C-alpha atoms as a PDB file:
ATOM      1  CA  MET A   1      29.528  -1.901  23.618  1.00  0.00           C
ATOM      2  CA  GLY A   2      26.911  -0.031  21.662  1.00  0.00           C
ATOM      3  CA  LYS A   3      27.034   0.886  18.001  1.00  0.00           C
ATOM      4  CA  ARG A   4      27.169   4.385  16.588  1.00  0.00           C
ATOM      5  CA  ILE A   5      23.745   6.011  16.373  1.00  0.00           C
ATOM      6  CA  ILE A   6      22.380   6.859  12.918  1.00  0.00           C
ATOM      7  CA  SER A   7      23.271  10.573  13.056  1.00  0.00           C
ATOM      8  CA  GLN A   8      26.919   9.680  13.767  1.00  0.00           C
ATOM      9  CA  ALA A   9      27.030   7.054  11.015  1.00  0.00           C
ATOM     10  CA  ARG A  10      25.519   9.427   8.450  1.00  0.00           C
ATOM     11  CA  GLY A  11      27.936  12.214   9.367  1.00  0.00           C
ATOM     12  CA  LYS A  12      30.968  10.001   8.796  1.00  0.00           C
ATOM     13  CA  GLY A  13      29.710   8.899   5.367  1.00  0.00           C
ATOM     14  CA  SER A  14      29.705   5.358   4.012  1.00  0.00           C
ATOM     15  CA  LEU A  15      28.277   3.295   1.173  1.00  0.00           C
ATOM     16  CA  THR A  16      24.966   3.278   3.041  1.00  0.00           C
ATOM     17  CA  TYR A  17      24.857   7.010   3.739  1.00  0.00           C
ATOM     18  CA  ARG A  18      26.256   8.544   0.577  1.00  0.00           C
ATOM     19  CA  VAL A  19      24.378  10.016  -2.361  1.00  0.00           C
ATOM     20  CA  LYS A  20      25.138   8.781  -5.876  1.00  0.00           C
ATOM     21  CA  LYS A  21      26.552  11.804  -7.691  1.00  0.00           C
ATOM     22  CA  LYS A  22      25.390  10.511 -11.062  1.00  0.00           C
ATOM     23  CA  ALA A  23      21.798  10.888  -9.856  1.00  0.00           C
ATOM     24  CA  PHE A  24      22.176  14.674  -9.655  1.00  0.00           C
ATOM     25  CA  THR A  25      24.180  15.391 -12.811  1.00  0.00           C
ATOM     26  CA  ARG A  26      21.162  16.788 -14.685  1.00  0.00           C
ATOM     27  CA  LYS A  27      20.069  20.217 -13.513  1.00  0.00           C
ATOM     28  CA  ILE A  28      16.710  21.673 -14.536  1.00  0.00           C
ATOM     29  CA  GLY A  29      16.786  25.173 -16.017  1.00  0.00           C
ATOM     30  CA  TYR A  30      15.769  27.488 -18.828  1.00  0.00           C
ATOM     31  CA  PRO A  31      17.948  28.708 -21.735  1.00  0.00           C
ATOM     32  CA  ILE A  32      19.365  32.223 -21.990  1.00  0.00           C
ATOM     33  CA  LYS A  33      18.200  32.716 -25.571  1.00  0.00           C
ATOM     34  CA  SER A  34      14.701  32.478 -27.019  1.00  0.00           C
ATOM     35  CA  GLY A  35      13.682  30.591 -30.163  1.00  0.00           C
ATOM     36  CA  GLU A  36      12.811  27.066 -31.293  1.00  0.00           C
ATOM     37  CA  ALA A  37      14.158  24.160 -29.223  1.00  0.00           C
ATOM     38  CA  GLU A  38      14.112  20.457 -30.120  1.00  0.00           C
ATOM     39  CA  ILE A  39      13.545  17.542 -27.724  1.00  0.00           C
ATOM     40  CA  LEU A  40      16.645  15.392 -28.255  1.00  0.00           C
ATOM     41  CA  LYS A  41      15.780  12.700 -25.726  1.00  0.00           C
ATOM     42  CA  LEU A  42      13.435  11.776 -22.880  1.00  0.00           C
ATOM     43  CA  VAL A  43      15.658  10.669 -20.007  1.00  0.00           C
ATOM     44  CA  HIS A  44      15.133   8.969 -16.656  1.00  0.00           C
ATOM     45  CA  SER A  45      16.719  10.814 -13.730  1.00  0.00           C
ATOM     46  CA  PRO A  46      16.927   8.984 -10.367  1.00  0.00           C
ATOM     47  CA  ALA A  47      16.910  12.365  -8.616  1.00  0.00           C
ATOM     48  CA  HIS A  48      13.560  13.446 -10.087  1.00  0.00           C
ATOM     49  CA  THR A  49      10.084  11.905  -9.940  1.00  0.00           C
ATOM     50  CA  ALA A  50       9.211  12.941 -13.507  1.00  0.00           C
ATOM     51  CA  PRO A  51      11.008  12.088 -16.772  1.00  0.00           C
ATOM     52  CA  LEU A  52      13.179  14.908 -18.108  1.00  0.00           C
ATOM     53  CA  MET A  53      13.392  16.353 -21.613  1.00  0.00           C
ATOM     54  CA  LYS A  54      16.864  16.952 -23.007  1.00  0.00           C
ATOM     55  CA  LEU A  55      16.435  20.051 -25.195  1.00  0.00           C
ATOM     56  CA  LYS A  56      18.720  21.860 -27.609  1.00  0.00           C
ATOM     57  CA  LEU A  57      18.371  25.519 -28.589  1.00  0.00           C
ATOM     58  CA  ASP A  58      21.102  26.560 -31.045  1.00  0.00           C
ATOM     59  CA  LYS A  59      24.213  25.222 -29.246  1.00  0.00           C
ATOM     60  CA  GLU A  60      22.736  25.339 -25.740  1.00  0.00           C
ATOM     61  CA  ILE A  61      21.594  22.116 -24.037  1.00  0.00           C
ATOM     62  CA  PHE A  62      19.160  22.293 -21.112  1.00  0.00           C
ATOM     63  CA  TYR A  63      16.796  20.008 -19.190  1.00  0.00           C
ATOM     64  CA  ASN A  64      13.133  20.493 -18.296  1.00  0.00           C
ATOM     65  CA  PRO A  65      10.496  18.123 -16.822  1.00  0.00           C
ATOM     66  CA  ALA A  66       8.559  16.418 -19.636  1.00  0.00           C
ATOM     67  CA  PHE A  67       4.921  17.338 -20.198  1.00  0.00           C
ATOM     68  CA  ASN A  68       2.111  14.884 -20.974  1.00  0.00           C
ATOM     69  CA  GLY A  69       2.365  13.847 -24.621  1.00  0.00           C
ATOM     70  CA  ALA A  70       5.990  14.915 -25.197  1.00  0.00           C
ATOM     71  CA  PHE A  71       8.001  12.874 -27.727  1.00  0.00           C
ATOM     72  CA  GLU A  72      11.551  12.884 -29.103  1.00  0.00           C
ATOM     73  CA  GLY A  73      12.070  15.172 -32.070  1.00  0.00           C
ATOM     74  CA  GLN A  74       9.228  17.488 -31.040  1.00  0.00           C
ATOM     75  CA  LYS A  75       9.785  21.228 -31.414  1.00  0.00           C
ATOM     76  CA  ILE A  76       8.873  23.667 -28.648  1.00  0.00           C
ATOM     77  CA  MET A  77       9.150  27.437 -28.520  1.00  0.00           C
ATOM     78  CA  VAL A  78      10.867  29.607 -25.942  1.00  0.00           C
ATOM     79  CA  GLU A  79       9.007  32.952 -25.892  1.00  0.00           C
ATOM     80  CA  GLY A  80       6.473  31.837 -28.512  1.00  0.00           C
ATOM     81  CA  GLU A  81       2.724  31.320 -28.563  1.00  0.00           C
ATOM     82  CA  ALA A  82       0.796  29.815 -25.642  1.00  0.00           C
ATOM     83  CA  LYS A  83       0.883  26.120 -26.649  1.00  0.00           C
ATOM     84  CA  GLU A  84       1.528  23.005 -24.574  1.00  0.00           C
ATOM     85  CA  GLY A  85       5.218  22.518 -23.864  1.00  0.00           C
ATOM     86  CA  ASN A  86       6.231  26.080 -24.769  1.00  0.00           C
ATOM     87  CA  ILE A  87       8.181  28.229 -22.304  1.00  0.00           C
ATOM     88  CA  LEU A  88       6.786  31.736 -21.776  1.00  0.00           C
ATOM     89  CA  ARG A  89       6.812  34.596 -19.311  1.00  0.00           C
ATOM     90  CA  LEU A  90       3.798  34.690 -16.993  1.00  0.00           C
ATOM     91  CA  LYS A  91       2.618  37.999 -18.476  1.00  0.00           C
ATOM     92  CA  ASP A  92       2.295  36.304 -21.908  1.00  0.00           C
ATOM     93  CA  ILE A  93       0.293  33.311 -20.628  1.00  0.00           C
ATOM     94  CA  PRO A  94      -3.534  33.594 -20.771  1.00  0.00           C
ATOM     95  CA  ASP A  95      -5.491  33.373 -17.500  1.00  0.00           C
ATOM     96  CA  GLY A  96      -6.687  29.862 -16.640  1.00  0.00           C
ATOM     97  CA  THR A  97      -3.709  28.117 -18.302  1.00  0.00           C
ATOM     98  CA  ARG A  98      -2.021  25.197 -16.524  1.00  0.00           C
ATOM     99  CA  VAL A  99       1.730  25.670 -16.060  1.00  0.00           C
ATOM    100  CA  TYR A 100       4.667  24.023 -14.263  1.00  0.00           C
ATOM    101  CA  ASN A 101       8.351  24.601 -13.430  1.00  0.00           C
ATOM    102  CA  ILE A 102       7.682  28.220 -12.448  1.00  0.00           C
ATOM    103  CA  GLU A 103      10.478  30.626 -11.598  1.00  0.00           C
ATOM    104  CA  LYS A 104      10.367  32.324  -8.181  1.00  0.00           C
ATOM    105  CA  ASN A 105      12.594  35.115  -9.467  1.00  0.00           C
ATOM    106  CA  PRO A 106      13.197  35.957 -13.136  1.00  0.00           C
ATOM    107  CA  GLY A 107      16.120  33.925 -14.483  1.00  0.00           C
ATOM    108  CA  ASP A 108      16.450  31.294 -11.715  1.00  0.00           C
ATOM    109  CA  GLY A 109      15.495  28.430 -14.081  1.00  0.00           C
ATOM    110  CA  GLY A 110      12.315  27.274 -12.326  1.00  0.00           C
ATOM    111  CA  LYS A 111      11.879  26.301  -8.677  1.00  0.00           C
ATOM    112  CA  MET A 112       8.146  25.551  -8.199  1.00  0.00           C
ATOM    113  CA  ILE A 113       5.828  22.748  -9.421  1.00  0.00           C
ATOM    114  CA  ARG A 114       8.365  20.144 -10.606  1.00  0.00           C
ATOM    115  CA  THR A 115       7.016  16.793  -9.341  1.00  0.00           C
ATOM    116  CA  ALA A 116       5.366  14.179 -11.559  1.00  0.00           C
ATOM    117  CA  GLY A 117       1.743  14.851 -12.483  1.00  0.00           C
ATOM    118  CA  SER A 118       1.656  18.337 -10.933  1.00  0.00           C
ATOM    119  CA  SER A 119       0.625  21.712 -12.339  1.00  0.00           C
ATOM    120  CA  SER A 120      -0.749  25.083 -11.223  1.00  0.00           C
ATOM    121  CA  ILE A 121      -3.033  27.666 -12.823  1.00  0.00           C
ATOM    122  CA  VAL A 122      -2.281  31.239 -13.897  1.00  0.00           C
ATOM    123  CA  SER A 123      -5.185  33.057 -12.197  1.00  0.00           C
ATOM    124  CA  LYS A 124      -4.637  36.702 -13.010  1.00  0.00           C
ATOM    125  CA  ASN A 125      -2.072  39.056 -14.521  1.00  0.00           C
ATOM    126  CA  GLN A 126      -1.896  42.460 -12.817  1.00  0.00           C
ATOM    127  CA  GLY A 127       0.739  44.492 -14.630  1.00  0.00           C
ATOM    128  CA  ALA A 128       4.098  43.683 -13.052  1.00  0.00           C
ATOM    129  CA  LYS A 129       2.620  40.915 -10.881  1.00  0.00           C
ATOM    130  CA  ALA A 130       0.986  37.559 -11.677  1.00  0.00           C
ATOM    131  CA  ILE A 131      -1.171  35.482  -9.327  1.00  0.00           C
ATOM    132  CA  ILE A 132      -0.713  31.697  -9.441  1.00  0.00           C
ATOM    133  CA  THR A 133      -3.160  29.212  -7.876  1.00  0.00           C
ATOM    134  CA  MET A 134      -1.270  26.190  -6.565  1.00  0.00           C
ATOM    135  CA  ALA A 135      -2.550  22.613  -6.373  1.00  0.00           C
ATOM    136  CA  ASN A 136      -3.505  23.111  -2.688  1.00  0.00           C
ATOM    137  CA  LYS A 137      -5.704  26.106  -3.684  1.00  0.00           C
ATOM    138  CA  LYS A 138      -3.320  28.625  -2.127  1.00  0.00           C
ATOM    139  CA  THR A 139      -2.284  31.620  -4.231  1.00  0.00           C
ATOM    140  CA  VAL A 140       1.218  32.950  -4.844  1.00  0.00           C
ATOM    141  CA  THR A 141       2.077  36.375  -6.259  1.00  0.00           C
ATOM    142  CA  LEU A 142       5.138  36.449  -8.549  1.00  0.00           C
ATOM    143  CA  ASN A 143       6.927  38.813 -10.891  1.00  0.00           C
ATOM    144  CA  SER A 144       5.189  38.677 -14.283  1.00  0.00           C
ATOM    145  CA  ASN A 145       8.605  38.294 -15.996  1.00  0.00           C
ATOM    146  CA  CYS A 146       9.093  34.885 -14.355  1.00  0.00           C
ATOM    147  CA  ARG A 147       9.005  32.053 -16.887  1.00  0.00           C
ATOM    148  CA  ALA A 148       6.974  28.835 -16.791  1.00  0.00           C
ATOM    149  CA  THR A 149       6.254  25.854 -19.032  1.00  0.00           C
ATOM    150  CA  ILE A 150       2.699  25.341 -20.298  1.00  0.00           C
ATOM    151  CA  GLY A 151       1.079  21.970 -19.573  1.00  0.00           C
ATOM    152  CA  VAL A 152       0.997  19.225 -16.939  1.00  0.00           C
ATOM    153  CA  ILE A 153       4.097  17.271 -15.936  1.00  0.00           C
ATOM    154  CA  ALA A 154       4.224  13.648 -17.125  1.00  0.00           C
ATOM    155  CA  GLY A 155       4.321  10.727 -14.701  1.00  0.00           C
ATOM    156  CA  ASP A 156       0.911  11.158 -13.079  1.00  0.00           C
ATOM    157  CA  GLY A 157      -0.106   7.975 -11.271  1.00  0.00           C
ATOM    158  CA  ARG A 158       3.464   7.256 -10.206  1.00  0.00           C
ATOM    159  CA  THR A 159       2.346   6.523  -6.635  1.00  0.00           C
ATOM    160  CA  LEU A 160      -0.525   4.232  -7.654  1.00  0.00           C
ATOM    161  CA  LYS A 161       1.743   1.261  -8.384  1.00  0.00           C
ATOM    162  CA  PRO A 162       2.912  -0.320  -5.100  1.00  0.00           C
ATOM    163  CA  LEU A 163       6.618  -0.896  -4.528  1.00  0.00           C
ATOM    164  CA  VAL A 164       5.743  -4.453  -3.329  1.00  0.00           C
ATOM    165  CA  THR A 165       9.166  -5.262  -1.843  1.00  0.00           C
ATOM    166  CA  ALA A 166      11.301  -3.549   0.772  1.00  0.00           C
ATOM    167  CA  GLY A 167      14.313  -3.993  -1.512  1.00  0.00           C
ATOM    168  CA  ARG A 168      12.807  -1.793  -4.224  1.00  0.00           C
ATOM    169  CA  LYS A 169      12.010   0.884  -1.660  1.00  0.00           C
ATOM    170  CA  TYR A 170      15.575   0.643  -0.298  1.00  0.00           C
ATOM    171  CA  TYR A 171      17.230   1.285  -3.672  1.00  0.00           C
ATOM    172  CA  LYS A 172      14.720   3.997  -4.578  1.00  0.00           C
ATOM    173  CA  MET A 173      15.534   5.921  -1.390  1.00  0.00           C
ATOM    174  CA  LYS A 174      19.267   5.228  -1.661  1.00  0.00           C
ATOM    175  CA  ALA A 175      19.406   6.856  -5.111  1.00  0.00           C
ATOM    176  CA  ARG A 176      18.315  10.136  -3.485  1.00  0.00           C
ATOM    177  CA  SER A 177      20.378   9.676  -0.296  1.00  0.00           C
ATOM    178  CA  LYS A 178      17.259   9.500   1.882  1.00  0.00           C
ATOM    179  CA  LEU A 179      17.328   7.863   5.296  1.00  0.00           C
ATOM    180  CA  TRP A 180      15.272   4.652   5.118  1.00  0.00           C
ATOM    181  CA  PRO A 181      14.025   2.624   6.931  1.00  0.00           C
ATOM    182  CA  ARG A 182      13.276   5.287   9.530  1.00  0.00           C
ATOM    183  CA  VAL A 183      13.182   3.745  12.997  1.00  0.00           C
ATOM    184  CA  SER A 184      11.602   5.615  15.895  1.00  0.00           C
ATOM    185  CA  ALA A 185      14.233   6.649  18.441  1.00  0.00           C
ATOM    186  CA  VAL A 186      12.157   5.501  21.415  1.00  0.00           C
ATOM    187  CA  ALA A 187      11.816   2.054  19.791  1.00  0.00           C
ATOM    188  CA  MET A 188      15.610   1.547  19.928  1.00  0.00           C
ATOM    189  CA  ASN A 189      17.616   0.156  22.813  1.00  0.00           C
ATOM    190  CA  ALA A 190      18.979   2.614  25.341  1.00  0.00           C
ATOM    191  CA  ILE A 191      22.535   1.866  24.188  1.00  0.00           C
ATOM    192  CA  ASP A 192      21.755   2.796  20.559  1.00  0.00           C
ATOM    193  CA  HIS A 193      20.102   6.190  21.028  1.00  0.00           C
ATOM    194  CA  PRO A 194      19.687   8.841  23.765  1.00  0.00           C
ATOM    195  CA  PHE A 195      15.890   8.469  23.436  1.00  0.00           C
ATOM    196  CA  GLY A 196      16.091   4.669  23.382  1.00  0.00           C
ATOM    197  CA  SER A 197      14.194   2.299  25.697  1.00  0.00           C
ATOM    198  CA  GLY A 198      10.749   3.536  26.562  1.00  0.00           C
ATOM    199  CA  ARG A 199      10.950   1.860  29.982  1.00  0.00           C
ATOM    200  CA  GLY A 200       8.761   3.865  32.318  1.00  0.00           C
ATOM    201  CA  LYS A 201       7.891   6.223  29.442  1.00  0.00           C
ATOM    202  CA  ARG A 202       9.795   9.047  31.067  1.00  0.00           C
ATOM    203  CA  ILE A 203       9.718  11.674  28.346  1.00  0.00           C
ATOM    204  CA  LYS A 204      13.122  13.154  27.604  1.00  0.00           C
ATOM    205  CA  SER A 205      13.704  16.662  26.264  1.00  0.00           C
ATOM    206  CA  LYS A 206      13.352  16.705  22.465  1.00  0.00           C
ATOM    207  CA  ILE A 207      15.287  19.992  22.082  1.00  0.00           C
ATOM    208  CA  ALA A 208      18.972  19.251  21.469  1.00  0.00           C
ATOM    209  CA  LYS A 209      21.587  21.413  23.160  1.00  0.00           C
ATOM    210  CA  ARG A 210      23.453  23.532  20.610  1.00  0.00           C
ATOM    211  CA  ASN A 211      26.901  22.508  21.863  1.00  0.00           C
ATOM    212  CA  ALA A 212      26.038  18.796  22.212  1.00  0.00           C
ATOM    213  CA  PRO A 213      28.393  16.283  20.525  1.00  0.00           C
ATOM    214  CA  PRO A 214      27.152  14.278  17.481  1.00  0.00           C
ATOM    215  CA  GLY A 215      26.052  11.339  19.646  1.00  0.00           C
ATOM    216  CA  ARG A 216      23.818  13.552  21.777  1.00  0.00           C
ATOM    217  CA  ARG A 217      22.719  16.126  19.206  1.00  0.00           C
ATOM    218  CA  VAL A 218      19.362  14.522  18.400  1.00  0.00           C
ATOM    219  CA  GLY A 219      15.731  15.629  18.454  1.00  0.00           C
ATOM    220  CA  HIS A 220      14.726  19.197  17.582  1.00  0.00           C
ATOM    221  CA  LEU A 221      17.750  21.161  16.321  1.00  0.00           C
ATOM    222  CA  ARG A 222      17.341  24.905  16.875  1.00  0.00           C
ATOM    223  CA  PRO A 223      13.522  24.772  16.694  1.00  0.00           C
ATOM    224  CA  LYS A 224      11.707  28.036  15.968  1.00  0.00           C
ATOM    225  CA  ARG A 225       8.722  26.755  17.922  1.00  0.00           C
ATOM    226  CA  THR A 226       7.488  23.549  19.582  1.00  0.00           C
ATOM    227  CA  GLY A 227       4.127  22.140  20.571  1.00  0.00           C
ATOM    228  CA  CYS A 228       0.741  22.151  18.851  1.00  0.00           C
ATOM    229  CA  LYS A 229      -0.407  25.183  16.916  1.00  0.00           C
ATOM    230  CA  LYS A 230      -3.356  26.994  18.505  1.00  0.00           C
END
């Protein structure tokens, strides 16, 4: 008798396939008010690659990825001058300035450039629109009222240190509820997966039927397109 395939086991939920809620208790965002905020603490969040700053503005507490050189007790400005760590609207940031945690829409709290060591550049302000150059050299046009934090996110070089052991990798991925180790379906036995056993290398359809049960619903789920791009 075969065991349940991974997609069935994950769907049921268990200690192996369940995210730790405490990892996602801290949500990144920007305050409603403007003024001077103080860094209360630099905290480690298992759900984020970069350390977070716990900030207080009046009675409001909010979290933001830490910038290089941040320290506890430091004061930063929301809607102030263009200095490292300050939070400003894109229209108030000079061209050529490095920024991170950029809002896609005004007031959403920041959705872009949030990983450790990352930043983008404010290329040009054109009235109601601002052009941002991303790390991959692509440009994005946003509303100039969107807010961003000036500087570069701390934690650069995070990937340079090897994990060394499989156990460390296991717990790192488990904290974020990621599936690891990832085993190729064709490498499994035929009893463990519909794609299992590459005997004869007869290629099976990778597009899953929409009404297939959990044990058969594997491969491409509702793909928009398949094959190589031309």
